[in-house]
Amino acid sequence: MKLKLSELASIAEIVGAFAVVISLIYVGVQVNDSNKAVRSASVNNANVAVQEWYMQIGSDGQTSRQFYRSLMSDQIKSNEEEFQFLMMFHGVFLAFQSSYLMAEEGTLDSDLVDGLTGAILVVKDTPGMKRYWRQRRTTLHPRFVRYVDELLLREGETPMEIYRASEANEPQE
């Protein structure tokens, strides 16, 4: 059986169409894997940013005491200490903001953002948080500011024991 040239061309078109479909499926799988890798890296980066901030604050006794004192006190010890406190706090808020905005665009899981920004809930009623938010909120993205404002309005959140202010557990200088 001899095939005409037009019949061979039709067979070639069918084979080519299957090859295109298989190629598209392969590219789709590759893109999906790439998206997973990007999301995984984003989760890691968000966690590392906050982790590094906690390690920096928690691993140096003087910094830790100064931050705690500024967070819990209505009184500002000095302009320099207040500036340092605001810059330290702003560092972690920039990490929170970055995570929030990545979750908004779908790069980061919103549950992770809620976990990271849950730290705001435990300090929301402290004098230092109130001072920070009053002074620095205008430097942050408006949608993130609305998100934090909503967190700050939540009722019934109980701060972690370590943040409770009392004369008995204030760190000594």
Protein backbone atom coordinates (compact mmCIF):
# COMPACT_ATOMS: atom_id res chain seq x y z
CA MET A 1 0.00 0.00 0.00
CA LYS A 2 1.46 3.21 -1.16
CA LEU A 3 0.57 6.41 0.66
CA LYS A 4 0.19 9.60 -1.18
CA LEU A 5 2.22 12.59 -0.16
CA SER A 6 -0.90 14.34 1.17
CA GLU A 7 -1.69 11.34 3.38
CA LEU A 8 1.85 11.30 4.76
CA ALA A 9 1.55 15.02 5.48
CA SER A 10 -1.70 14.40 7.41
CA ILE A 11 -0.06 11.66 9.48
CA ALA A 12 2.89 13.96 10.17
CA GLU A 13 0.48 16.69 11.32
CA ILE A 14 -1.22 14.28 13.74
CA VAL A 15 2.12 13.10 15.13
CA GLY A 16 3.27 16.72 15.42
CA ALA A 17 0.07 17.68 17.28
CA PHE A 18 0.67 14.85 19.79
CA ALA A 19 4.26 16.01 20.22
CA VAL A 20 3.07 19.57 20.94
CA VAL A 21 0.54 18.32 23.52
CA ILE A 22 3.20 16.18 25.24
CA SER A 23 5.62 19.13 25.21
CA LEU A 24 2.99 21.40 26.79
CA ILE A 25 2.30 18.84 29.52
CA TYR A 26 6.02 18.59 30.22
CA VAL A 27 6.38 22.40 30.39
CA GLY A 28 3.35 22.57 32.70
CA VAL A 29 4.95 20.06 35.07
CA GLN A 30 8.22 22.00 34.99
CA VAL A 31 6.45 25.31 35.72
CA ASN A 32 4.55 23.68 38.60
CA ASP A 33 7.81 22.35 40.05
CA SER A 34 9.38 25.77 39.63
CA ASN A 35 6.44 27.43 41.43
CA LYS A 36 6.80 24.97 44.31
CA ALA A 37 10.50 25.78 44.55
CA VAL A 38 9.79 29.53 44.59
CA ARG A 39 7.12 29.13 47.26
CA SER A 40 9.39 26.93 49.33
CA ALA A 41 12.20 29.48 49.11
CA SER A 42 9.76 32.25 50.05
CA VAL A 43 8.58 30.37 53.14
CA ASN A 44 12.16 29.73 54.14
CA ASN A 45 13.18 33.36 53.60
CA ALA A 46 10.22 34.66 55.60
CA ASN A 47 10.99 32.34 58.48
CA VAL A 48 14.72 33.10 58.40
CA ALA A 49 14.14 36.87 58.46
CA VAL A 50 12.03 36.67 61.60
CA GLN A 51 14.26 34.00 63.14
CA GLU A 52 17.36 36.15 62.66
CA TRP A 53 15.64 39.10 64.29
CA TYR A 54 14.66 37.00 67.32
CA MET A 55 18.16 35.55 67.55
CA GLN A 56 19.73 39.00 67.38
CA ILE A 57 17.47 40.40 70.10
CA GLY A 58 17.56 37.29 72.28
CA SER A 59 21.24 36.37 72.12
CA ASP A 60 22.67 39.62 73.48
CA GLY A 61 21.77 40.30 77.11
CA GLN A 62 22.15 44.07 76.93
CA THR A 63 20.10 44.36 73.73
CA SER A 64 17.48 42.00 75.09
CA ARG A 65 17.13 43.94 78.36
CA GLN A 66 16.99 47.27 76.57
CA PHE A 67 14.37 46.02 74.10
CA TYR A 68 12.25 44.49 76.87
CA ARG A 69 12.50 47.63 79.01
CA SER A 70 11.49 49.82 76.05
CA LEU A 71 8.65 47.48 75.10
CA MET A 72 7.18 47.34 78.59
CA SER A 73 7.77 50.89 79.83
CA ASP A 74 5.74 54.04 79.47
CA GLN A 75 8.88 56.01 80.22
CA ILE A 76 11.56 56.62 77.61
CA LYS A 77 15.02 56.25 79.16
CA SER A 78 16.84 58.28 76.51
CA ASN A 79 16.37 59.41 72.94
CA GLU A 80 19.17 57.06 71.87
CA GLU A 81 17.54 54.03 73.53
CA GLU A 82 14.16 54.93 72.07
CA PHE A 83 15.69 55.29 68.61
CA GLN A 84 17.41 51.91 68.96
CA PHE A 85 14.17 50.30 70.16
CA LEU A 86 12.18 51.75 67.26
CA MET A 87 14.77 50.60 64.72
CA MET A 88 14.89 47.07 66.18
CA PHE A 89 11.09 46.84 66.20
CA HIS A 90 10.87 48.28 62.70
CA GLY A 91 13.24 45.58 61.46
CA VAL A 92 10.86 42.81 62.44
CA PHE A 93 7.85 44.76 61.16
CA LEU A 94 9.50 45.03 57.75
CA ALA A 95 9.86 41.23 57.76
CA PHE A 96 6.20 40.87 58.78
CA GLN A 97 5.18 43.29 56.03
CA SER A 98 7.17 41.41 53.41
CA SER A 99 5.49 38.15 54.41
CA TYR A 100 2.07 39.76 54.38
CA LEU A 101 2.54 41.21 50.89
CA MET A 102 3.87 37.89 49.53
CA ALA A 103 0.79 36.15 50.95
CA GLU A 104 -1.44 38.73 49.28
CA GLU A 105 0.12 37.96 45.90
CA GLY A 106 -0.11 34.21 46.53
CA THR A 107 3.60 33.47 46.91
CA LEU A 108 3.30 32.71 50.63
CA ASP A 109 0.63 30.80 52.52
CA SER A 110 -1.58 33.16 54.55
CA ASP A 111 -1.53 30.73 57.49
CA LEU A 112 2.23 31.23 57.73
CA VAL A 113 1.75 35.00 57.79
CA ASP A 114 -0.82 34.64 60.55
CA GLY A 115 1.70 32.58 62.50
CA LEU A 116 4.49 35.08 62.02
CA THR A 117 2.39 38.14 62.74
CA GLY A 118 0.80 36.41 65.73
CA ALA A 119 3.73 37.88 67.62
CA ILE A 120 2.04 41.26 67.21
CA LEU A 121 -0.97 40.01 69.15
CA VAL A 122 1.08 39.15 72.22
CA VAL A 123 2.61 42.62 72.46
CA LYS A 124 -0.24 44.71 71.07
CA ASP A 125 -1.15 46.26 74.42
CA THR A 126 2.38 47.06 75.56
CA PRO A 127 3.44 50.70 75.82
CA GLY A 128 6.37 50.14 73.45
CA MET A 129 4.16 48.63 70.75
CA LYS A 130 1.78 51.56 71.03
CA ARG A 131 4.66 54.05 70.72
CA TYR A 132 6.19 52.16 67.80
CA TRP A 133 2.90 51.92 65.90
CA ARG A 134 2.04 55.58 66.49
CA GLN A 135 5.44 56.71 65.20
CA ARG A 136 6.26 54.26 62.38
CA ARG A 137 2.98 53.03 60.88
CA THR A 138 3.06 55.69 58.16
CA THR A 139 6.33 54.23 56.83
CA LEU A 140 4.69 50.89 56.00
CA HIS A 141 2.52 49.71 53.09
CA PRO A 142 -1.11 50.89 53.50
CA ARG A 143 -2.60 47.39 53.13
CA PHE A 144 -0.22 46.03 55.77
CA VAL A 145 -1.11 48.96 58.05
CA ARG A 146 -4.82 48.07 57.71
CA TYR A 147 -4.00 44.43 58.51
CA VAL A 148 -2.07 45.40 61.66
CA ASP A 149 -4.75 47.91 62.67
CA GLU A 150 -7.26 45.04 62.55
CA LEU A 151 -4.94 42.86 64.66
CA LEU A 152 -4.61 45.65 67.22
CA LEU A 153 -8.40 45.93 67.53
CA ARG A 154 -8.86 42.25 68.40
CA GLU A 155 -10.27 41.66 71.85
CA GLY A 156 -9.49 38.83 74.19
CA GLU A 157 -5.93 38.14 73.06
CA THR A 158 -3.80 37.15 76.04
CA PRO A 159 -0.12 38.04 75.92
CA MET A 160 2.41 35.33 76.57
CA GLU A 161 3.56 35.12 80.18
CA ILE A 162 7.05 36.39 79.36
CA TYR A 163 5.66 39.74 78.25
CA ARG A 164 3.58 40.37 81.37
CA ALA A 165 4.90 43.40 83.18
CA SER A 166 5.46 43.03 86.89
CA GLU A 167 8.07 44.21 89.32
CA ALA A 168 9.01 40.61 90.12
CA ASN A 169 10.08 39.61 86.63
CA GLU A 170 11.56 42.76 85.13
CA PRO A 171 15.10 42.09 83.97
CA GLN A 172 17.87 43.58 86.03
CA GLU A 173 20.54 45.81 84.51
